[in-house]
Amino acid sequence: MSSTKWCCLGLEGHFLMAGMRGFSIFVVTDGGTSIFVLQHRAIEQDVAIPNSDQSLSIISEMQIQFCPWCGVRLHKYYQPRLQELDRSDLHISM
């Protein structure tokens, strides 16, 4: 991703965290449509899910339109580089 000109350090840092525990942002491409996803992972990928009597959300996702840190319209700003930012492999299929 060295050729990517980031809108701000916040988005760059959270893109680099994709697939790890905590919050991240990445692009998902489905059928020619690209969306930006804000994802939260509660545990690392290879850690056993804890036993609980309650439902646990291990991974949560939501689509976003604007950068949470600087407010730029993500799709417009990153349009030429959407394929470069695609991490569809991390997206949780519903």
N, C-alpha and C. Protein backbone atom coordinates (compact mmCIF):
# COMPACT_ATOMS: atom_id res chain seq x y z
N MET A 1 0.81 -1.19 0.00
CA MET A 1 0.00 0.00 0.00
C MET A 1 0.86 1.26 0.00
N SER A 2 2.12 1.12 -0.36
CA SER A 2 3.04 2.25 -0.32
C SER A 2 2.63 3.36 -1.28
N SER A 3 1.89 3.05 -2.36
CA SER A 3 1.50 4.08 -3.31
C SER A 3 0.24 4.83 -2.88
N THR A 4 -0.42 4.37 -1.83
CA THR A 4 -1.65 5.00 -1.39
C THR A 4 -1.36 6.31 -0.69
N LYS A 5 -2.06 7.37 -1.12
CA LYS A 5 -2.01 8.65 -0.42
C LYS A 5 -3.22 8.66 0.52
N TRP A 6 -2.95 8.58 1.80
CA TRP A 6 -4.01 8.46 2.80
C TRP A 6 -4.63 9.81 3.09
N CYS A 7 -5.90 9.82 3.43
CA CYS A 7 -6.59 11.06 3.79
C CYS A 7 -6.08 11.58 5.13
N CYS A 8 -5.68 10.66 6.03
CA CYS A 8 -5.15 11.06 7.34
C CYS A 8 -4.46 9.86 7.99
N LEU A 9 -3.72 10.11 9.04
CA LEU A 9 -3.00 9.05 9.75
C LEU A 9 -3.95 8.07 10.44
N GLY A 10 -5.10 8.56 10.89
CA GLY A 10 -6.07 7.68 11.56
C GLY A 10 -6.55 6.58 10.64
N LEU A 11 -6.92 6.93 9.42
CA LEU A 11 -7.40 5.91 8.50
C LEU A 11 -6.28 4.98 8.08
N GLU A 12 -5.10 5.51 7.83
CA GLU A 12 -3.97 4.67 7.47
C GLU A 12 -3.68 3.63 8.56
N GLY A 13 -3.63 4.07 9.80
CA GLY A 13 -3.36 3.16 10.91
C GLY A 13 -4.42 2.09 11.06
N HIS A 14 -5.66 2.44 10.89
CA HIS A 14 -6.74 1.46 11.04
C HIS A 14 -6.84 0.54 9.83
N PHE A 15 -6.41 0.99 8.66
CA PHE A 15 -6.33 0.08 7.52
C PHE A 15 -5.24 -0.96 7.77
N LEU A 16 -4.13 -0.55 8.33
CA LEU A 16 -3.02 -1.47 8.59
C LEU A 16 -3.37 -2.48 9.69
N MET A 17 -4.38 -2.21 10.49
CA MET A 17 -4.82 -3.12 11.56
C MET A 17 -5.82 -4.17 11.07
N ALA A 18 -6.20 -4.13 9.81
CA ALA A 18 -7.21 -5.05 9.27
C ALA A 18 -6.81 -6.50 9.52
N GLY A 19 -7.74 -7.26 10.11
CA GLY A 19 -7.53 -8.67 10.42
C GLY A 19 -7.01 -8.91 11.82
N MET A 20 -6.64 -7.86 12.53
CA MET A 20 -6.13 -8.00 13.91
C MET A 20 -7.20 -7.58 14.91
N ARG A 21 -6.94 -7.88 16.18
CA ARG A 21 -7.86 -7.51 17.26
C ARG A 21 -7.99 -6.00 17.34
N GLY A 22 -9.21 -5.52 17.53
CA GLY A 22 -9.48 -4.09 17.63
C GLY A 22 -10.23 -3.59 16.40
N PHE A 23 -10.20 -2.28 16.21
CA PHE A 23 -10.92 -1.66 15.10
C PHE A 23 -10.04 -1.58 13.86
N SER A 24 -10.67 -1.72 12.70
CA SER A 24 -9.97 -1.55 11.43
C SER A 24 -10.96 -1.06 10.39
N ILE A 25 -10.40 -0.57 9.27
CA ILE A 25 -11.20 -0.13 8.13
C ILE A 25 -10.59 -0.72 6.88
N PHE A 26 -11.44 -1.24 6.00
CA PHE A 26 -10.96 -1.77 4.73
C PHE A 26 -12.09 -1.74 3.72
N VAL A 27 -11.76 -2.05 2.46
CA VAL A 27 -12.73 -2.06 1.37
C VAL A 27 -13.14 -3.49 1.07
N VAL A 28 -14.42 -3.68 0.79
CA VAL A 28 -14.97 -4.96 0.35
C VAL A 28 -15.59 -4.72 -1.02
N THR A 29 -15.24 -5.55 -1.98
CA THR A 29 -15.82 -5.46 -3.32
C THR A 29 -16.70 -6.67 -3.54
N ASP A 30 -17.94 -6.41 -3.91
CA ASP A 30 -18.90 -7.49 -4.14
C ASP A 30 -19.70 -7.17 -5.40
N GLY A 31 -19.52 -7.96 -6.42
CA GLY A 31 -20.28 -7.77 -7.65
C GLY A 31 -20.04 -6.42 -8.31
N GLY A 32 -18.82 -5.91 -8.23
CA GLY A 32 -18.49 -4.64 -8.86
C GLY A 32 -18.75 -3.43 -7.99
N THR A 33 -19.39 -3.62 -6.85
CA THR A 33 -19.65 -2.52 -5.92
C THR A 33 -18.64 -2.58 -4.78
N SER A 34 -18.06 -1.44 -4.45
CA SER A 34 -17.09 -1.38 -3.35
C SER A 34 -17.69 -0.60 -2.18
N ILE A 35 -17.48 -1.14 -0.98
CA ILE A 35 -17.93 -0.46 0.23
C ILE A 35 -16.77 -0.39 1.22
N PHE A 36 -16.80 0.62 2.07
CA PHE A 36 -15.83 0.72 3.16
C PHE A 36 -16.47 0.13 4.41
N VAL A 37 -15.71 -0.72 5.08
CA VAL A 37 -16.21 -1.44 6.25
C VAL A 37 -15.40 -1.03 7.48
N LEU A 38 -16.09 -0.67 8.54
CA LEU A 38 -15.50 -0.49 9.86
C LEU A 38 -15.74 -1.79 10.59
N GLN A 39 -14.67 -2.48 10.99
CA GLN A 39 -14.78 -3.78 11.62
C GLN A 39 -14.14 -3.74 13.00
N HIS A 40 -14.72 -4.48 13.94
CA HIS A 40 -14.12 -4.67 15.25
C HIS A 40 -14.01 -6.16 15.52
N ARG A 41 -12.81 -6.59 15.89
CA ARG A 41 -12.57 -7.99 16.27
C ARG A 41 -12.27 -8.01 17.77
N ALA A 42 -13.04 -8.79 18.51
CA ALA A 42 -12.90 -8.84 19.96
C ALA A 42 -11.70 -9.67 20.40
N ILE A 43 -11.31 -10.66 19.59
CA ILE A 43 -10.18 -11.52 19.94
C ILE A 43 -9.30 -11.72 18.70
N GLU A 44 -8.09 -12.16 18.92
CA GLU A 44 -7.18 -12.48 17.81
C GLU A 44 -7.74 -13.66 17.02
N GLN A 45 -7.35 -13.79 15.76
CA GLN A 45 -7.90 -14.82 14.88
C GLN A 45 -7.70 -16.24 15.39
N ASP A 46 -6.57 -16.56 15.97
CA ASP A 46 -6.27 -17.94 16.35
C ASP A 46 -6.51 -18.24 17.83
N VAL A 47 -7.25 -17.39 18.51
CA VAL A 47 -7.56 -17.58 19.92
C VAL A 47 -8.91 -18.28 20.05
N ALA A 48 -9.00 -19.22 20.98
CA ALA A 48 -10.25 -19.95 21.20
C ALA A 48 -11.34 -19.00 21.71
N ILE A 49 -12.55 -19.19 21.23
CA ILE A 49 -13.68 -18.38 21.67
C ILE A 49 -14.02 -18.78 23.11
N PRO A 50 -14.13 -17.80 24.02
CA PRO A 50 -14.41 -18.14 25.42
C PRO A 50 -15.82 -18.72 25.59
N ASN A 51 -15.97 -19.62 26.56
CA ASN A 51 -17.28 -20.18 26.90
C ASN A 51 -18.10 -19.12 27.61
N SER A 52 -19.38 -19.03 27.24
CA SER A 52 -20.26 -18.04 27.85
C SER A 52 -21.70 -18.49 27.71
N ASP A 53 -22.52 -18.16 28.73
CA ASP A 53 -23.95 -18.42 28.66
C ASP A 53 -24.66 -17.36 27.82
N GLN A 54 -23.99 -16.26 27.57
CA GLN A 54 -24.54 -15.15 26.80
C GLN A 54 -24.00 -15.18 25.37
N SER A 55 -24.72 -14.57 24.46
CA SER A 55 -24.24 -14.43 23.08
C SER A 55 -23.06 -13.47 23.06
N LEU A 56 -22.07 -13.81 22.27
CA LEU A 56 -20.89 -12.96 22.13
C LEU A 56 -20.74 -12.50 20.69
N SER A 57 -20.43 -11.24 20.50
CA SER A 57 -20.12 -10.72 19.17
C SER A 57 -18.61 -10.72 19.05
N ILE A 58 -18.07 -11.69 18.35
CA ILE A 58 -16.63 -11.81 18.18
C ILE A 58 -16.14 -10.81 17.13
N ILE A 59 -16.92 -10.65 16.06
CA ILE A 59 -16.60 -9.70 15.00
C ILE A 59 -17.86 -8.91 14.67
N SER A 60 -17.73 -7.59 14.66
CA SER A 60 -18.83 -6.71 14.28
C SER A 60 -18.38 -5.84 13.12
N GLU A 61 -19.32 -5.54 12.22
CA GLU A 61 -19.00 -4.71 11.06
C GLU A 61 -20.13 -3.74 10.78
N MET A 62 -19.75 -2.62 10.16
CA MET A 62 -20.74 -1.69 9.63
C MET A 62 -20.13 -0.93 8.46
N GLN A 63 -20.97 -0.58 7.52
CA GLN A 63 -20.53 0.18 6.35
C GLN A 63 -20.41 1.65 6.74
N ILE A 64 -19.36 2.31 6.25
CA ILE A 64 -19.20 3.73 6.52
C ILE A 64 -19.01 4.48 5.21
N GLN A 65 -19.36 5.75 5.21
CA GLN A 65 -19.25 6.61 4.03
C GLN A 65 -18.13 7.66 4.17
N PHE A 66 -17.85 8.05 5.41
CA PHE A 66 -16.91 9.13 5.68
C PHE A 66 -15.81 8.65 6.62
N CYS A 67 -14.64 9.24 6.52
CA CYS A 67 -13.54 8.92 7.44
C CYS A 67 -13.93 9.40 8.84
N PRO A 68 -13.84 8.52 9.84
CA PRO A 68 -14.19 8.91 11.21
C PRO A 68 -13.26 9.97 11.80
N TRP A 69 -12.08 10.15 11.25
CA TRP A 69 -11.10 11.08 11.82
C TRP A 69 -11.07 12.42 11.11
N CYS A 70 -11.12 12.44 9.78
CA CYS A 70 -11.00 13.72 9.07
C CYS A 70 -12.26 14.10 8.30
N GLY A 71 -13.21 13.17 8.15
CA GLY A 71 -14.49 13.48 7.52
C GLY A 71 -14.54 13.40 6.01
N VAL A 72 -13.44 13.01 5.36
CA VAL A 72 -13.44 12.93 3.90
C VAL A 72 -14.44 11.87 3.43
N ARG A 73 -15.08 12.10 2.27
CA ARG A 73 -15.98 11.10 1.68
C ARG A 73 -15.10 10.01 1.08
N LEU A 74 -15.11 8.83 1.70
CA LEU A 74 -14.16 7.78 1.41
C LEU A 74 -14.21 7.30 -0.04
N HIS A 75 -15.38 7.00 -0.55
CA HIS A 75 -15.48 6.45 -1.90
C HIS A 75 -14.93 7.44 -2.93
N LYS A 76 -15.22 8.70 -2.78
CA LYS A 76 -14.75 9.72 -3.71
C LYS A 76 -13.22 9.87 -3.62
N TYR A 77 -12.70 9.93 -2.41
CA TYR A 77 -11.26 10.15 -2.20
C TYR A 77 -10.43 8.96 -2.71
N TYR A 78 -10.89 7.75 -2.44
CA TYR A 78 -10.12 6.55 -2.77
C TYR A 78 -10.55 5.87 -4.07
N GLN A 79 -11.44 6.48 -4.84
CA GLN A 79 -11.96 5.87 -6.07
C GLN A 79 -10.87 5.26 -6.96
N PRO A 80 -9.78 5.94 -7.22
CA PRO A 80 -8.77 5.35 -8.11
C PRO A 80 -8.01 4.17 -7.49
N ARG A 81 -8.14 3.97 -6.17
CA ARG A 81 -7.35 2.95 -5.48
C ARG A 81 -8.20 1.92 -4.74
N LEU A 82 -9.46 1.80 -5.07
CA LEU A 82 -10.34 0.87 -4.35
C LEU A 82 -9.85 -0.56 -4.44
N GLN A 83 -9.39 -0.97 -5.59
CA GLN A 83 -8.92 -2.35 -5.75
C GLN A 83 -7.69 -2.60 -4.87
N GLU A 84 -6.83 -1.61 -4.75
CA GLU A 84 -5.63 -1.72 -3.92
C GLU A 84 -5.98 -1.88 -2.43
N LEU A 85 -7.09 -1.30 -2.01
CA LEU A 85 -7.51 -1.34 -0.60
C LEU A 85 -8.44 -2.51 -0.28
N ASP A 86 -8.78 -3.30 -1.30
CA ASP A 86 -9.74 -4.40 -1.10
C ASP A 86 -9.17 -5.47 -0.17
N ARG A 87 -9.95 -5.80 0.86
CA ARG A 87 -9.62 -6.89 1.78
C ARG A 87 -10.88 -7.71 2.00
N SER A 88 -11.53 -8.07 0.90
CA SER A 88 -12.78 -8.84 0.96
C SER A 88 -12.64 -10.14 1.75
N ASP A 89 -11.42 -10.66 1.81
CA ASP A 89 -11.17 -11.90 2.56
C ASP A 89 -11.46 -11.75 4.05
N LEU A 90 -11.47 -10.53 4.57
CA LEU A 90 -11.74 -10.29 6.00
C LEU A 90 -13.21 -10.04 6.30
N HIS A 91 -14.00 -9.81 5.28
CA HIS A 91 -15.41 -9.48 5.44
C HIS A 91 -16.18 -10.69 5.96
N ILE A 92 -17.10 -10.46 6.86
CA ILE A 92 -17.93 -11.52 7.43
C ILE A 92 -19.20 -11.62 6.60
N SER A 93 -19.42 -12.77 5.98
CA SER A 93 -20.63 -13.00 5.17
C SER A 93 -21.82 -13.17 6.08
N MET A 94 -22.89 -12.49 5.76
CA MET A 94 -24.10 -12.58 6.58
C MET A 94 -25.05 -13.59 5.99
